[in-house]
Amino acid sequence: MRAMLAGAAVLLAAGCASSASTSATTRTVVGRVLSAPSCPVQRAGVPCPPRPVAGASVEAIQTGDVAASTHTDGRGGFSLQLRPGRYVIRATNVGALATTAQRQVVVAAHKGPALVIRLVVDSGIR
């Protein structure tokens, strides 16, 4: 009985160590999803910057599979936790015109600042 309990304790400890090392190997990818053009007619001297997209779907795709996903906040911001590797980060606009924008990223194994990206989806304004 003691041997079984000792074995269970070793397995439990190994499981805890495994989950701790997994979280230590992820990096944060943050960004914003914007929509452009944002004005039907752009005029010289009148700024018409892209607008944030709230509620856009954001996916991190690796070898054809969705590795992580989220939705943008009210300012178009998002954050994903990813393991090292190559990904395509894809954002899909909300509403009737569900356009997408994507960008390839490489998440390095070393710790460092978050990887920051910006994706601009087509607003459909012409």
Protein backbone atom coordinates (compact mmCIF):
# COMPACT_ATOMS: atom_id res chain seq x y z
CA MET A 1 0.00 0.00 0.00
CA ARG A 2 2.82 2.42 0.87
CA ALA A 3 4.52 1.60 -2.42
CA MET A 4 1.30 2.46 -4.32
CA LEU A 5 0.93 5.77 -2.46
CA ALA A 6 4.57 6.64 -3.08
CA GLY A 7 4.13 5.83 -6.79
CA ALA A 8 1.00 7.99 -6.97
CA ALA A 9 2.86 10.87 -5.31
CA VAL A 10 5.67 10.60 -7.89
CA LEU A 11 3.14 10.62 -10.76
CA LEU A 12 1.31 13.58 -9.25
CA ALA A 13 4.57 15.50 -8.83
CA ALA A 14 5.57 14.69 -12.40
CA GLY A 15 2.21 15.94 -13.65
CA CYS A 16 2.61 19.21 -11.76
CA ALA A 17 6.14 19.69 -13.06
CA SER A 18 4.94 19.02 -16.59
CA SER A 19 2.20 21.65 -16.49
CA ALA A 20 4.57 24.19 -14.95
CA SER A 21 7.15 23.64 -17.68
CA THR A 22 4.45 23.93 -20.35
CA SER A 23 3.37 27.36 -19.14
CA ALA A 24 7.02 28.43 -18.96
CA THR A 25 7.50 27.67 -22.67
CA THR A 26 4.68 29.87 -23.97
CA ARG A 27 5.01 33.42 -25.22
CA THR A 28 2.44 36.12 -25.58
CA VAL A 29 1.35 37.43 -28.97
CA VAL A 30 -0.63 40.66 -28.69
CA GLY A 31 -2.07 42.92 -31.31
CA ARG A 32 -4.90 44.93 -32.72
CA VAL A 33 -7.38 44.29 -35.48
CA LEU A 34 -8.30 47.39 -37.45
CA SER A 35 -10.68 48.02 -40.35
CA ALA A 36 -9.90 50.22 -43.36
CA PRO A 37 -10.79 52.23 -45.27
CA SER A 38 -12.92 54.00 -42.69
CA CYS A 39 -14.15 56.93 -44.78
CA PRO A 40 -16.07 56.66 -48.05
CA VAL A 41 -14.01 59.49 -49.55
CA GLN A 42 -10.54 60.40 -48.36
CA ARG A 43 -9.47 64.01 -48.77
CA ALA A 44 -6.00 65.52 -48.62
CA GLY A 45 -5.29 66.91 -45.17
CA VAL A 46 -8.25 65.12 -43.57
CA PRO A 47 -7.10 62.07 -41.63
CA CYS A 48 -9.10 58.91 -41.99
CA PRO A 49 -7.26 56.32 -39.88
CA PRO A 50 -8.28 52.66 -39.65
CA ARG A 51 -10.84 51.90 -36.93
CA PRO A 52 -10.62 49.19 -34.27
CA VAL A 53 -12.75 46.08 -34.78
CA ALA A 54 -14.47 44.89 -31.61
CA GLY A 55 -15.49 41.22 -31.49
CA ALA A 56 -13.33 40.05 -34.40
CA SER A 57 -12.31 36.40 -34.32
CA VAL A 58 -8.54 35.86 -34.05
CA GLU A 59 -6.96 32.43 -34.57
CA ALA A 60 -3.40 31.14 -34.40
CA ILE A 61 -3.07 28.39 -37.01
CA GLN A 62 -0.21 25.90 -37.02
CA THR A 63 0.07 23.18 -39.67
CA GLY A 64 -3.59 23.61 -40.58
CA ASP A 65 -4.94 23.33 -37.02
CA VAL A 66 -6.21 26.09 -34.74
CA ALA A 67 -3.70 26.21 -31.87
CA ALA A 68 -5.39 29.09 -30.02
CA SER A 69 -8.24 31.52 -30.58
CA THR A 70 -9.84 34.58 -29.04
CA HIS A 71 -11.96 37.63 -29.86
CA THR A 72 -10.91 41.26 -29.87
CA ASP A 73 -11.91 43.64 -27.11
CA GLY A 74 -13.65 47.01 -27.61
CA ARG A 75 -10.39 48.60 -28.80
CA GLY A 76 -9.63 45.83 -31.29
CA GLY A 77 -6.98 44.33 -28.99
CA PHE A 78 -6.22 40.64 -28.50
CA SER A 79 -3.75 38.41 -26.69
CA LEU A 80 -2.77 34.78 -27.36
CA GLN A 81 -0.45 32.42 -25.46
CA LEU A 82 1.51 30.26 -27.92
CA ARG A 83 4.25 27.67 -27.75
CA PRO A 84 7.36 28.23 -29.87
CA GLY A 85 6.86 27.60 -33.57
CA ARG A 86 5.53 29.07 -36.83
CA TYR A 87 1.95 30.31 -36.95
CA VAL A 88 -0.44 32.17 -39.19
CA ILE A 89 -2.42 34.67 -37.12
CA ARG A 90 -5.76 35.22 -38.84
CA ALA A 91 -8.40 37.81 -37.96
CA THR A 92 -11.93 37.77 -39.35
CA ASN A 93 -14.05 40.91 -39.39
CA VAL A 94 -17.52 40.86 -37.82
CA GLY A 95 -20.71 41.84 -39.62
CA ALA A 96 -22.05 41.20 -43.09
CA LEU A 97 -18.63 41.53 -44.77
CA ALA A 98 -16.53 38.90 -43.01
CA THR A 99 -13.16 39.79 -44.52
CA THR A 100 -9.91 38.37 -43.17
CA ALA A 101 -6.36 39.49 -42.70
CA GLN A 102 -3.46 37.25 -41.77
CA ARG A 103 0.20 37.40 -40.92
CA GLN A 104 2.87 34.73 -40.48
CA VAL A 105 4.80 34.90 -37.22
CA VAL A 106 7.56 32.91 -35.58
CA VAL A 107 7.27 32.50 -31.84
CA ALA A 108 10.78 32.10 -30.45
CA ALA A 109 11.60 29.71 -27.61
CA HIS A 110 13.40 32.33 -25.51
CA LYS A 111 11.57 34.58 -23.11
CA GLY A 112 11.27 38.20 -24.02
CA PRO A 113 8.76 40.91 -24.68
CA ALA A 114 5.44 40.01 -26.24
CA LEU A 115 5.33 39.72 -30.01
CA VAL A 116 3.18 42.62 -31.26
CA ILE A 117 1.28 42.51 -34.56
CA ARG A 118 -1.34 44.58 -36.36
CA LEU A 119 -3.93 43.15 -38.75
CA VAL A 120 -6.09 45.31 -41.03
CA VAL A 121 -9.27 43.80 -42.46
CA ASP A 122 -11.17 45.28 -45.39
CA SER A 123 -14.14 47.39 -44.29
CA GLY A 124 -15.86 47.16 -47.67
CA ILE A 125 -16.25 50.95 -47.92
CA ARG A 126 -15.63 52.14 -51.46
